[in-house]
Protein backbone atom coordinates (compact mmCIF):
# COMPACT_ATOMS: atom_id res chain seq x y z
CA MET A 1 110.86 106.84 111.19
CA LYS A 2 113.21 106.09 114.10
CA HIS A 3 115.90 105.19 111.61
CA LEU A 4 115.26 108.45 109.76
CA LEU A 5 115.58 110.51 112.94
CA LYS A 6 118.78 108.70 113.88
CA SER A 7 120.23 109.30 110.42
CA ILE A 8 119.37 113.00 110.50
CA ALA A 9 120.71 113.37 114.05
CA ALA A 10 123.87 111.54 113.04
CA ALA A 11 124.34 113.94 110.16
CA GLY A 12 124.25 116.90 112.55
CA ALA A 13 126.67 115.30 115.00
CA LEU A 14 128.95 114.29 112.17
CA ALA A 15 129.10 117.86 110.88
CA CYS A 16 130.50 119.00 114.22
CA THR A 17 133.09 116.22 114.21
CA LEU A 18 134.17 116.99 110.65
CA ALA A 19 134.55 120.66 111.47
CA ALA A 20 137.32 119.80 113.92
CA ALA A 21 138.93 117.12 111.75
CA PRO A 22 141.25 117.42 108.75
CA ALA A 23 139.45 117.90 105.45
CA ALA A 24 138.42 114.60 103.85
CA ALA A 25 137.30 113.83 100.33
CA GLN A 26 133.54 114.06 99.88
CA THR A 27 131.13 113.25 97.11
CA ILE A 28 128.93 116.27 96.47
CA LEU A 29 125.48 115.73 94.94
CA THR A 30 123.91 118.76 93.29
CA ALA A 31 120.26 118.74 94.34
CA SER A 32 117.54 120.84 92.70
CA SER A 33 113.97 121.67 93.68
CA TRP A 34 111.45 123.54 91.53
CA VAL A 35 109.21 124.50 94.46
CA PRO A 36 109.98 127.09 97.19
CA ASN A 37 112.29 126.29 100.11
CA SER A 38 109.27 126.27 102.41
CA HIS A 39 107.44 123.63 100.35
CA ILE A 40 107.20 120.17 101.86
CA LEU A 41 108.90 118.66 98.79
CA THR A 42 112.00 120.80 99.30
CA ILE A 43 111.95 120.13 103.03
CA SER A 44 111.69 116.39 102.38
CA LEU A 45 114.53 116.51 99.85
CA ARG A 46 116.68 118.32 102.40
CA GLN A 47 115.86 115.72 105.06
CA TRP A 48 116.68 112.93 102.61
CA CYS A 49 120.05 114.56 101.98
CA GLU A 50 120.69 114.80 105.73
CA ALA A 51 119.82 111.14 106.16
CA LEU A 52 122.17 110.23 103.32
CA SER A 53 124.98 112.22 104.91
CA GLY A 54 124.45 110.37 108.16
CA GLU A 55 124.20 106.97 106.50
CA SER A 56 127.41 107.57 104.52
CA GLN A 57 129.32 108.81 107.58
CA GLY A 58 129.74 112.16 105.90
CA LYS A 59 131.21 110.79 102.69
CA ILE A 60 128.26 112.15 100.69
CA ARG A 61 126.51 115.47 101.07
CA CYS A 62 124.12 117.48 98.95
CA ASN A 63 124.47 120.98 97.63
CA LEU A 64 120.83 122.09 97.45
CA LEU A 65 120.80 124.84 94.85
CA PRO A 66 119.10 128.17 95.66
CA ARG A 67 117.05 127.93 92.46
CA ALA A 68 115.95 125.11 90.18
CA VAL A 69 118.12 124.11 87.25
CA SER A 70 114.96 123.81 85.15
CA PRO A 71 111.25 124.59 85.27
CA ALA A 72 109.22 121.69 86.62
CA PRO A 73 108.39 120.00 83.27
CA GLY A 74 112.07 119.87 82.27
CA THR A 75 113.38 118.43 85.53
CA PHE A 76 113.50 114.80 84.39
CA ASP A 77 115.67 115.69 81.42
CA ALA A 78 117.79 118.04 83.56
CA VAL A 79 118.69 115.13 85.86
CA LYS A 80 119.14 112.81 82.89
CA SER A 81 121.62 115.21 81.28
CA GLY A 82 123.48 115.92 84.53
CA LEU A 83 122.39 119.53 85.13
CA ALA A 84 121.41 118.22 88.57
CA ASP A 85 122.39 115.00 90.32
CA VAL A 86 119.25 114.61 92.40
CA SER A 87 115.72 115.97 92.11
CA PHE A 88 112.09 114.90 91.85
CA THR A 89 109.40 115.35 89.26
CA VAL A 90 105.74 114.70 88.55
CA HIS A 91 105.35 111.87 86.06
CA GLY A 92 102.46 113.66 84.39
CA TYR A 93 104.56 116.73 83.57
CA THR A 94 105.94 114.84 80.58
CA PRO A 95 102.78 113.42 78.96
CA GLY A 96 103.14 110.06 77.25
CA ARG A 97 106.50 109.24 78.84
CA PHE A 98 105.22 107.18 81.77
CA VAL A 99 102.36 104.70 81.67
CA THR A 100 102.72 102.04 84.36
CA THR A 101 103.15 104.60 87.14
CA GLN A 102 99.65 105.93 86.46
CA LEU A 103 98.25 103.17 88.68
CA ALA A 104 98.94 105.59 91.58
CA GLU A 105 96.76 108.34 90.10
CA PHE A 106 93.28 106.80 89.98
CA PRO A 107 90.30 108.15 91.96
CA PHE A 108 89.48 107.01 95.48
CA LEU A 109 92.79 105.26 96.24
CA GLY A 110 93.29 106.32 99.83
CA ASN A 111 93.27 109.10 102.39
CA TYR A 112 96.97 109.30 103.28
CA SER A 113 100.03 110.01 101.21
CA GLU A 114 102.23 107.77 103.35
CA ALA A 115 100.10 104.67 102.80
CA ILE A 116 99.72 105.31 99.05
CA SER A 117 103.41 106.12 98.64
CA VAL A 118 104.64 103.02 100.46
CA ALA A 119 102.20 100.83 98.55
CA PHE A 120 103.35 102.48 95.30
CA GLN A 121 107.00 101.78 96.05
CA ARG A 122 106.25 98.17 97.01
CA SER A 123 104.27 97.67 93.82
CA ALA A 124 107.20 98.94 91.74
CA GLN A 125 109.62 96.67 93.58
CA LYS A 126 107.43 93.71 92.64
CA ASN A 127 107.02 95.01 89.08
CA PRO A 128 110.37 96.52 87.99
CA ILE A 129 108.95 97.67 84.65
CA MET A 130 107.74 100.73 86.58
CA PHE A 131 111.35 101.64 87.31
CA ASP A 132 112.45 100.70 83.81
CA GLU A 133 110.25 103.43 82.31
CA HIS A 134 112.62 106.01 83.85
CA VAL A 135 115.11 105.71 81.03
CA GLY A 136 118.26 107.74 81.61
CA VAL A 137 117.95 108.27 85.37
CA ARG A 138 118.14 106.07 88.44
CA PRO A 139 114.78 106.16 90.26
CA LEU A 140 115.39 106.26 94.00
CA ALA A 141 111.77 106.16 95.17
CA LEU A 142 108.22 106.56 93.95
CA PHE A 143 105.70 108.48 96.02
CA THR A 144 102.47 110.49 95.78
CA HIS A 145 100.90 113.53 97.33
CA GLY A 146 97.75 113.31 99.44
CA PRO A 147 94.20 112.89 98.11
CA GLY A 148 93.25 115.46 95.48
CA LEU A 149 90.48 118.02 95.97
CA VAL A 150 88.71 120.42 93.61
CA TYR A 151 89.06 124.15 94.30
CA ASN A 152 87.45 127.13 92.61
CA THR A 153 86.76 130.83 92.98
CA LYS A 154 83.11 130.86 91.88
CA ARG A 155 80.69 128.47 93.59
CA PRO A 156 80.21 125.28 95.63
CA ILE A 157 80.62 122.07 93.62
CA ALA A 158 78.28 119.41 94.98
CA LYS A 159 77.28 117.51 91.85
CA MET A 160 78.56 116.72 88.38
CA GLU A 161 76.70 119.59 86.74
CA ASP A 162 78.45 122.14 88.97
CA LEU A 163 81.76 121.43 87.21
CA GLY A 164 80.49 122.86 83.95
CA GLY A 165 81.37 126.36 82.79
CA LEU A 166 84.54 126.60 84.90
CA LYS A 167 88.17 126.55 83.74
CA PHE A 168 90.56 124.39 85.77
CA ARG A 169 94.34 123.99 85.96
CA VAL A 170 95.56 120.39 86.20
CA GLY A 171 99.07 118.98 86.38
CA GLY A 172 98.86 116.32 83.70
CA GLY A 173 98.87 112.54 83.76
CA MET A 174 95.82 110.58 84.82
CA VAL A 175 94.21 113.64 86.44
CA ASN A 176 93.90 115.10 82.96
CA GLU A 177 92.04 112.02 81.76
CA ILE A 178 89.85 111.98 84.87
CA SER A 179 88.98 115.64 84.36
CA LYS A 180 88.11 115.17 80.70
CA SER A 181 85.90 112.19 81.54
CA LEU A 182 83.97 114.54 83.85
CA ASP A 183 83.60 117.06 81.00
CA MET A 184 85.74 119.61 82.83
CA ASN A 185 87.42 122.40 80.89
CA VAL A 186 91.08 121.86 81.85
CA THR A 187 94.50 123.23 80.94
CA LEU A 188 97.79 121.49 81.75
CA LYS A 189 100.04 123.79 83.75
CA PRO A 190 102.70 123.16 86.46
CA ALA A 191 101.64 123.78 90.06
CA PRO A 192 103.88 126.86 90.60
CA GLU A 193 101.87 128.77 87.98
CA SER A 194 98.61 128.40 89.92
CA PHE A 195 98.71 131.75 91.72
CA GLU A 196 99.09 133.77 88.55
CA LEU A 197 96.48 131.74 86.68
CA LEU A 198 93.86 132.10 89.42
CA SER A 199 94.60 135.66 90.50
CA SER A 200 94.40 136.88 86.92
CA GLY A 201 91.14 135.05 86.26
CA VAL A 202 92.65 133.00 83.45
CA MET A 203 91.56 129.94 85.45
CA ASP A 204 88.59 129.59 87.81
CA GLY A 205 89.90 126.62 89.74
CA THR A 206 92.57 124.00 90.24
CA LEU A 207 92.97 120.43 91.41
CA PHE A 208 95.35 120.09 94.35
CA PRO A 209 95.93 118.24 97.62
CA ALA A 210 95.18 120.24 100.79
CA GLU A 211 98.84 121.10 101.30
CA SER A 212 99.12 123.10 98.10
CA VAL A 213 96.68 125.88 98.94
CA GLU A 214 99.07 127.48 101.41
CA ALA A 215 102.23 126.33 99.61
CA PHE A 216 101.28 128.14 96.41
CA LYS A 217 99.60 131.05 98.22
CA ILE A 218 96.13 130.67 96.71
CA ASP A 219 94.29 130.62 100.04
CA LYS A 220 93.06 134.21 99.60
CA ILE A 221 91.91 133.52 96.03
CA ILE A 222 89.95 130.28 96.19
CA LYS A 223 86.55 130.34 97.87
CA HIS A 224 85.30 126.76 97.58
CA ALA A 225 86.73 123.26 97.98
CA THR A 226 85.17 119.86 97.32
CA SER A 227 86.65 116.71 98.88
CA PHE A 228 86.09 113.07 97.92
CA PRO A 229 86.59 109.93 100.03
CA GLY A 230 90.01 108.62 99.02
CA GLY A 231 90.59 111.65 96.78
CA LEU A 232 89.30 112.53 93.33
CA TYR A 233 92.76 111.78 91.97
CA ASN A 234 96.38 111.46 92.96
CA THR A 235 99.70 112.53 91.50
CA SER A 236 102.72 110.26 91.19
CA PHE A 237 106.28 111.50 91.71
CA VAL A 238 109.75 110.06 91.37
CA LEU A 239 112.80 110.94 93.43
CA MET A 240 115.70 110.35 91.04
CA MET A 241 119.46 110.53 90.55
CA ASN A 242 121.56 111.01 87.47
CA ALA A 243 122.44 107.49 86.31
CA ASP A 244 126.12 108.21 85.62
CA LYS A 245 126.54 109.90 88.99
CA TYR A 246 125.22 106.82 90.75
CA LYS A 247 127.46 104.51 88.71
CA ALA A 248 130.50 106.58 89.68
CA LEU A 249 129.87 106.13 93.43
CA SER A 250 131.97 103.68 95.41
CA ALA A 251 130.35 100.46 96.64
CA ASP A 252 129.99 101.92 100.14
CA GLU A 253 128.46 105.10 98.78
CA LYS A 254 125.97 103.14 96.67
CA ARG A 255 124.95 101.15 99.75
CA ALA A 256 124.34 104.41 101.63
CA VAL A 257 122.20 105.81 98.80
CA ASP A 258 120.24 102.56 98.53
CA LYS A 259 119.69 102.47 102.31
CA VAL A 260 117.87 105.82 102.34
CA SER A 261 116.05 105.25 99.06
CA GLY A 262 113.17 102.87 98.27
CA GLU A 263 110.54 102.52 100.96
CA PHE A 264 112.54 104.68 103.38
CA ALA A 265 112.30 107.70 101.05
CA ALA A 266 108.72 106.94 99.99
CA ARG A 267 107.66 106.90 103.64
CA LEU A 268 109.61 110.09 104.38
CA PHE A 269 108.01 112.08 101.56
CA GLY A 270 104.55 110.61 102.21
CA ARG A 271 104.57 111.16 105.96
CA ASN A 272 105.74 114.74 105.55
CA TRP A 273 103.01 115.40 102.99
CA ASP A 274 100.32 114.05 105.33
CA SER A 275 101.51 116.42 108.03
CA GLN A 276 101.34 119.33 105.62
CA ASP A 277 97.89 118.28 104.37
CA ARG A 278 96.58 118.46 107.93
CA LYS A 279 98.03 121.96 108.29
CA GLY A 280 96.54 122.91 104.94
CA MET A 281 93.05 121.83 105.96
CA ALA A 282 93.28 123.85 109.16
CA TYR A 283 94.67 126.82 107.27
CA MET A 284 91.78 126.80 104.80
CA GLN A 285 89.24 126.67 107.59
CA VAL A 286 90.81 129.76 109.16
CA SER A 287 90.85 131.47 105.76
CA GLY A 288 87.12 130.87 105.33
CA VAL A 289 87.23 128.44 102.41
CA GLN A 290 83.81 126.78 102.12
CA PHE A 291 84.01 122.99 102.06
CA THR A 292 81.69 120.53 100.35
CA LYS A 293 81.98 116.78 100.86
CA ALA A 294 81.00 114.79 97.79
CA ASP A 295 77.93 112.72 98.63
CA ALA A 296 77.24 109.14 97.55
CA LYS A 297 75.50 110.24 94.34
CA PHE A 298 78.38 112.49 93.29
CA VAL A 299 80.93 109.73 94.02
CA ALA A 300 78.87 107.17 92.10
CA ASP A 301 78.62 109.52 89.12
CA VAL A 302 82.39 110.03 89.12
CA LYS A 303 82.96 106.26 89.27
CA THR A 304 80.63 105.73 86.33
CA ARG A 305 82.30 108.42 84.23
CA THR A 306 85.85 107.22 84.99
CA SER A 307 85.26 103.46 84.83
CA GLY A 308 86.76 103.17 81.36
CA LEU A 309 90.08 104.69 82.43
CA GLU A 310 91.12 101.59 84.34
CA ALA A 311 90.46 99.30 81.39
CA LYS A 312 92.48 101.59 79.13
CA TRP A 313 95.34 101.77 81.61
CA ILE A 314 95.39 97.98 81.96
CA ALA A 315 95.71 97.60 78.18
CA ASP A 316 98.33 100.36 77.88
CA ALA A 317 100.39 99.10 80.84
CA GLU A 318 100.44 95.54 79.50
CA ALA A 319 101.52 96.89 76.12
CA LYS A 320 104.44 98.48 77.97
CA GLY A 321 105.35 95.12 79.49
CA LEU A 322 103.51 95.07 82.83
CA LYS A 323 102.18 91.56 83.33
CA ASP A 324 98.60 91.08 84.59
CA ALA A 325 98.06 94.80 85.14
CA LYS A 326 94.54 94.24 86.48
CA LYS A 327 95.92 92.16 89.36
CA VAL A 328 98.73 94.67 89.96
CA LEU A 329 96.16 97.44 90.39
CA SER A 330 93.97 95.27 92.61
CA ASP A 331 96.96 94.31 94.79
CA PHE A 332 98.00 97.96 94.98
CA ARG A 333 94.59 99.00 96.30
CA ALA A 334 94.58 96.13 98.78
CA GLU A 335 98.03 97.15 100.06
CA ILE A 336 96.85 100.75 100.59
CA ALA A 337 93.84 99.47 102.54
CA ARG A 338 96.10 97.34 104.76
CA LEU A 339 98.46 100.22 105.41
CA GLU A 340 95.61 102.59 106.30
CA LYS A 341 94.14 100.28 108.95
């Protein structure tokens, strides 16, 4: 984090120096975000760009567009085609495209985005097939949001049976499989559509981390939230760059990009999300959202219902080329536990 703060501070100081100096050639990266400017993802992307500017001594800067070049589900292909140079996306927004990265989406992984994100990035560095699935873009970092909760507008959810009869929005990926294994009635929709879906009554609930309630302005709509130790699910993201844009960078510019990517970026996005999750929890308490903590029986029932998902993922991931997927998942969980101590 100290390095991050130094890089961001250096970017600010450098801007003042450049203002008084003759114009110099710069590489401009077009950056796109499909969430509002106030969302922690956009804030983190902006901070990453500032760190990159500092690390490159001002040779690279981002032009963060005022609106997204594509709706959320099309972002991967937008970066791949060059509509944007840098952005992020949810792996699950393009069902069937990513398999190995789903190891970061299972239930009960951990309580902090930073720990899960860093462990996720480290796992991918040890198992490059996770990066190789991102055909057509250069993955800069993998990360996750914080532990997922269940929200709804109707009633407290304290046991498996309470999930019945309600319609939920989910973002896709493993959370969709988890939800179906719990016999939930779910529809795949991007996060930014949550307000309209809930306010109109089309959906009764949604699955989100704590941060998202305020970010997507559903705090006045939802009435109940259920939390699980380690989260009911997680969502995996990739921060990515257009492959041709990266190839066209000079050697020094590539080193600067690499320096602020990988674990550096995973930690940046994860730490920021944890901070926003804490604010989200406090915000919901002020807004009067009623909280239910899943008890041991509820957790055990979820584990029983979702136990087959790991076996399926292991088989699917190994079919994709991930060697000894069972050990990779076990090591991933152990790394999260170490980082959360």
